[in-house]
Amino acid sequence: MDICRATRESPSLALGVSPRGATALLATARAWAWLTGRDYVIPDDVKALALPTLRHRVQLRPEAEMEGVTADSVINAILAHVPVPR
């Protein structure tokens, strides 16, 4: 939830991840964990699937787009700054 909330607060994004996007990230992380033989999700699962799950769910501000910012770079920066829950 903190990752998705951070996309809504990002100055580079006009549109952040919706609640459905947050649900999609949870579902893909759960599926990835199951495919790798675990019945629980670890932070690395979320990080591995954040870009493919969220990149098309955000919209850059025109100013950021003109500066060469990409959705991937914004999401990577958010992943780097949002603390891992304990």
N, C-alpha and C. Protein backbone atom coordinates (compact mmCIF):
# COMPACT_ATOMS: atom_id res chain seq x y z
N MET A 1 0.82 -1.19 0.00
CA MET A 1 0.00 0.00 0.00
C MET A 1 0.87 1.25 0.00
N ASP A 2 1.99 1.22 0.71
CA ASP A 2 2.85 2.39 0.76
C ASP A 2 3.43 2.72 -0.61
N ILE A 3 3.73 1.71 -1.39
CA ILE A 3 4.26 1.94 -2.73
C ILE A 3 3.21 2.62 -3.59
N CYS A 4 2.01 2.12 -3.57
CA CYS A 4 0.94 2.71 -4.38
C CYS A 4 0.58 4.11 -3.90
N ARG A 5 0.59 4.32 -2.59
CA ARG A 5 0.32 5.66 -2.05
C ARG A 5 1.41 6.64 -2.51
N ALA A 6 2.65 6.18 -2.54
CA ALA A 6 3.74 7.04 -2.96
C ALA A 6 3.61 7.45 -4.42
N THR A 7 3.03 6.60 -5.26
CA THR A 7 2.83 6.99 -6.65
C THR A 7 1.81 8.11 -6.76
N ARG A 8 0.83 8.12 -5.87
CA ARG A 8 -0.19 9.17 -5.89
C ARG A 8 0.36 10.50 -5.39
N GLU A 9 1.43 10.45 -4.60
CA GLU A 9 2.03 11.66 -4.05
C GLU A 9 3.25 12.12 -4.83
N SER A 10 3.66 11.40 -5.84
CA SER A 10 4.86 11.73 -6.61
C SER A 10 4.65 12.99 -7.44
N PRO A 11 5.57 13.94 -7.37
CA PRO A 11 5.44 15.16 -8.16
C PRO A 11 5.62 14.93 -9.67
N SER A 12 6.17 13.79 -10.05
CA SER A 12 6.38 13.49 -11.46
C SER A 12 5.16 12.86 -12.12
N LEU A 13 4.20 12.43 -11.32
CA LEU A 13 3.06 11.71 -11.87
C LEU A 13 1.78 12.53 -11.77
N ALA A 14 1.03 12.54 -12.85
CA ALA A 14 -0.28 13.18 -12.85
C ALA A 14 -1.32 12.22 -12.31
N LEU A 15 -1.09 10.94 -12.49
CA LEU A 15 -2.02 9.91 -12.04
C LEU A 15 -1.22 8.75 -11.46
N GLY A 16 -1.49 8.44 -10.20
CA GLY A 16 -0.81 7.34 -9.53
C GLY A 16 -1.58 6.05 -9.65
N VAL A 17 -1.11 5.05 -8.97
CA VAL A 17 -1.72 3.72 -9.02
C VAL A 17 -3.04 3.74 -8.24
N SER A 18 -4.05 3.15 -8.84
CA SER A 18 -5.38 3.09 -8.24
C SER A 18 -5.45 1.93 -7.24
N PRO A 19 -6.54 1.86 -6.47
CA PRO A 19 -6.70 0.70 -5.58
C PRO A 19 -6.70 -0.64 -6.33
N ARG A 20 -7.25 -0.64 -7.53
CA ARG A 20 -7.21 -1.87 -8.34
C ARG A 20 -5.78 -2.22 -8.72
N GLY A 21 -4.95 -1.22 -8.96
CA GLY A 21 -3.54 -1.46 -9.25
C GLY A 21 -2.82 -2.06 -8.06
N ALA A 22 -3.16 -1.58 -6.86
CA ALA A 22 -2.57 -2.13 -5.64
C ALA A 22 -2.98 -3.59 -5.47
N THR A 23 -4.24 -3.89 -5.76
CA THR A 23 -4.73 -5.26 -5.69
C THR A 23 -4.02 -6.14 -6.72
N ALA A 24 -3.79 -5.60 -7.90
CA ALA A 24 -3.08 -6.35 -8.94
C ALA A 24 -1.65 -6.65 -8.51
N LEU A 25 -0.98 -5.70 -7.87
CA LEU A 25 0.38 -5.93 -7.40
C LEU A 25 0.40 -7.02 -6.34
N LEU A 26 -0.56 -7.01 -5.45
CA LEU A 26 -0.65 -8.05 -4.43
C LEU A 26 -0.89 -9.42 -5.07
N ALA A 27 -1.80 -9.47 -6.03
CA ALA A 27 -2.13 -10.74 -6.69
C ALA A 27 -0.93 -11.30 -7.46
N THR A 28 -0.21 -10.45 -8.17
CA THR A 28 0.95 -10.94 -8.92
C THR A 28 2.06 -11.37 -7.98
N ALA A 29 2.25 -10.66 -6.88
CA ALA A 29 3.28 -11.05 -5.91
C ALA A 29 2.93 -12.39 -5.27
N ARG A 30 1.65 -12.60 -4.96
CA ARG A 30 1.23 -13.89 -4.40
C ARG A 30 1.44 -15.02 -5.40
N ALA A 31 1.10 -14.76 -6.65
CA ALA A 31 1.29 -15.77 -7.69
C ALA A 31 2.76 -16.10 -7.87
N TRP A 32 3.60 -15.08 -7.88
CA TRP A 32 5.05 -15.29 -8.03
C TRP A 32 5.60 -16.11 -6.86
N ALA A 33 5.16 -15.78 -5.66
CA ALA A 33 5.60 -16.54 -4.48
C ALA A 33 5.19 -18.00 -4.61
N TRP A 34 3.97 -18.24 -5.03
CA TRP A 34 3.48 -19.61 -5.19
C TRP A 34 4.28 -20.36 -6.25
N LEU A 35 4.58 -19.67 -7.37
CA LEU A 35 5.35 -20.30 -8.45
C LEU A 35 6.77 -20.63 -8.02
N THR A 36 7.29 -19.90 -7.06
CA THR A 36 8.64 -20.18 -6.58
C THR A 36 8.65 -21.10 -5.36
N GLY A 37 7.48 -21.66 -5.04
CA GLY A 37 7.42 -22.67 -4.00
C GLY A 37 7.17 -22.17 -2.59
N ARG A 38 6.69 -20.94 -2.45
CA ARG A 38 6.40 -20.40 -1.13
C ARG A 38 4.91 -20.11 -1.00
N ASP A 39 4.42 -20.15 0.22
CA ASP A 39 3.02 -19.79 0.44
C ASP A 39 2.92 -18.43 1.14
N TYR A 40 3.98 -17.63 1.02
CA TYR A 40 4.02 -16.29 1.59
C TYR A 40 4.80 -15.37 0.65
N VAL A 41 4.50 -14.09 0.72
CA VAL A 41 5.14 -13.09 -0.14
C VAL A 41 6.27 -12.43 0.63
N ILE A 42 7.40 -12.23 -0.04
CA ILE A 42 8.51 -11.49 0.55
C ILE A 42 8.67 -10.17 -0.21
N PRO A 43 9.34 -9.19 0.37
CA PRO A 43 9.50 -7.90 -0.31
C PRO A 43 10.14 -8.01 -1.70
N ASP A 44 11.02 -8.97 -1.90
CA ASP A 44 11.64 -9.13 -3.22
C ASP A 44 10.62 -9.52 -4.29
N ASP A 45 9.56 -10.22 -3.90
CA ASP A 45 8.50 -10.55 -4.85
C ASP A 45 7.81 -9.28 -5.34
N VAL A 46 7.51 -8.40 -4.41
CA VAL A 46 6.85 -7.14 -4.75
C VAL A 46 7.76 -6.30 -5.64
N LYS A 47 9.03 -6.22 -5.27
CA LYS A 47 9.98 -5.42 -6.06
C LYS A 47 10.15 -5.99 -7.47
N ALA A 48 10.18 -7.30 -7.59
CA ALA A 48 10.36 -7.94 -8.90
C ALA A 48 9.19 -7.68 -9.83
N LEU A 49 8.00 -7.56 -9.26
CA LEU A 49 6.80 -7.43 -10.09
C LEU A 49 6.23 -6.02 -10.14
N ALA A 50 6.82 -5.09 -9.44
CA ALA A 50 6.28 -3.73 -9.41
C ALA A 50 6.30 -3.07 -10.80
N LEU A 51 7.41 -3.16 -11.49
CA LEU A 51 7.48 -2.52 -12.82
C LEU A 51 6.50 -3.10 -13.82
N PRO A 52 6.50 -4.42 -14.04
CA PRO A 52 5.56 -4.93 -15.03
C PRO A 52 4.10 -4.77 -14.64
N THR A 53 3.82 -4.70 -13.34
CA THR A 53 2.44 -4.57 -12.89
C THR A 53 1.96 -3.13 -12.85
N LEU A 54 2.86 -2.18 -12.56
CA LEU A 54 2.44 -0.81 -12.32
C LEU A 54 2.77 0.19 -13.43
N ARG A 55 3.73 -0.11 -14.29
CA ARG A 55 4.21 0.91 -15.25
C ARG A 55 3.11 1.44 -16.16
N HIS A 56 2.16 0.62 -16.52
CA HIS A 56 1.09 1.10 -17.40
C HIS A 56 -0.08 1.69 -16.61
N ARG A 57 0.01 1.68 -15.30
CA ARG A 57 -1.07 2.19 -14.47
C ARG A 57 -0.80 3.61 -13.95
N VAL A 58 0.31 4.19 -14.33
CA VAL A 58 0.63 5.56 -13.92
C VAL A 58 0.68 6.46 -15.15
N GLN A 59 0.48 7.73 -14.92
CA GLN A 59 0.56 8.71 -16.01
C GLN A 59 1.51 9.82 -15.60
N LEU A 60 2.51 10.05 -16.43
CA LEU A 60 3.49 11.09 -16.15
C LEU A 60 2.91 12.48 -16.38
N ARG A 61 3.40 13.45 -15.63
CA ARG A 61 3.06 14.84 -15.90
C ARG A 61 3.79 15.24 -17.19
N PRO A 62 3.19 16.10 -17.99
CA PRO A 62 3.84 16.51 -19.24
C PRO A 62 5.23 17.11 -19.01
N GLU A 63 5.38 17.87 -17.92
CA GLU A 63 6.69 18.48 -17.63
C GLU A 63 7.75 17.41 -17.38
N ALA A 64 7.37 16.38 -16.65
CA ALA A 64 8.32 15.30 -16.36
C ALA A 64 8.66 14.52 -17.63
N GLU A 65 7.65 14.32 -18.46
CA GLU A 65 7.88 13.60 -19.71
C GLU A 65 8.84 14.38 -20.62
N MET A 66 8.69 15.69 -20.64
CA MET A 66 9.58 16.52 -21.46
C MET A 66 11.01 16.50 -20.93
N GLU A 67 11.17 16.27 -19.63
CA GLU A 67 12.51 16.19 -19.03
C GLU A 67 13.14 14.81 -19.20
N GLY A 68 12.42 13.89 -19.80
CA GLY A 68 12.95 12.56 -20.05
C GLY A 68 12.69 11.55 -18.94
N VAL A 69 11.84 11.92 -18.00
CA VAL A 69 11.49 10.99 -16.93
C VAL A 69 10.60 9.90 -17.49
N THR A 70 10.80 8.68 -17.04
CA THR A 70 9.96 7.57 -17.49
C THR A 70 9.19 7.00 -16.30
N ALA A 71 8.14 6.28 -16.59
CA ALA A 71 7.37 5.63 -15.53
C ALA A 71 8.25 4.65 -14.76
N ASP A 72 9.12 3.94 -15.46
CA ASP A 72 10.02 3.00 -14.80
C ASP A 72 10.95 3.70 -13.81
N SER A 73 11.48 4.85 -14.20
CA SER A 73 12.40 5.55 -13.30
C SER A 73 11.66 6.06 -12.06
N VAL A 74 10.44 6.51 -12.22
CA VAL A 74 9.66 6.98 -11.07
C VAL A 74 9.36 5.81 -10.13
N ILE A 75 8.93 4.69 -10.68
CA ILE A 75 8.60 3.53 -9.85
C ILE A 75 9.85 3.00 -9.16
N ASN A 76 10.98 2.95 -9.87
CA ASN A 76 12.23 2.51 -9.25
C ASN A 76 12.64 3.43 -8.11
N ALA A 77 12.48 4.74 -8.29
CA ALA A 77 12.81 5.68 -7.22
C ALA A 77 11.90 5.47 -6.01
N ILE A 78 10.64 5.22 -6.27
CA ILE A 78 9.70 4.96 -5.17
C ILE A 78 10.07 3.68 -4.44
N LEU A 79 10.42 2.62 -5.19
CA LEU A 79 10.83 1.37 -4.56
C LEU A 79 12.08 1.56 -3.71
N ALA A 80 12.96 2.44 -4.13
CA ALA A 80 14.19 2.68 -3.39
C ALA A 80 13.94 3.47 -2.10
N HIS A 81 12.88 4.29 -2.08
CA HIS A 81 12.66 5.15 -0.93
C HIS A 81 11.59 4.66 0.05
N VAL A 82 10.70 3.82 -0.39
CA VAL A 82 9.67 3.30 0.52
C VAL A 82 10.30 2.21 1.38
N PRO A 83 10.22 2.35 2.69
CA PRO A 83 10.84 1.34 3.56
C PRO A 83 10.10 0.01 3.48
N VAL A 84 10.87 -1.05 3.65
CA VAL A 84 10.31 -2.40 3.65
C VAL A 84 9.61 -2.62 4.98
N PRO A 85 8.35 -3.07 4.97
CA PRO A 85 7.66 -3.31 6.24
C PRO A 85 8.30 -4.45 7.04
N ARG A 86 8.21 -4.34 8.32
CA ARG A 86 8.80 -5.37 9.21
C ARG A 86 7.74 -6.18 9.86
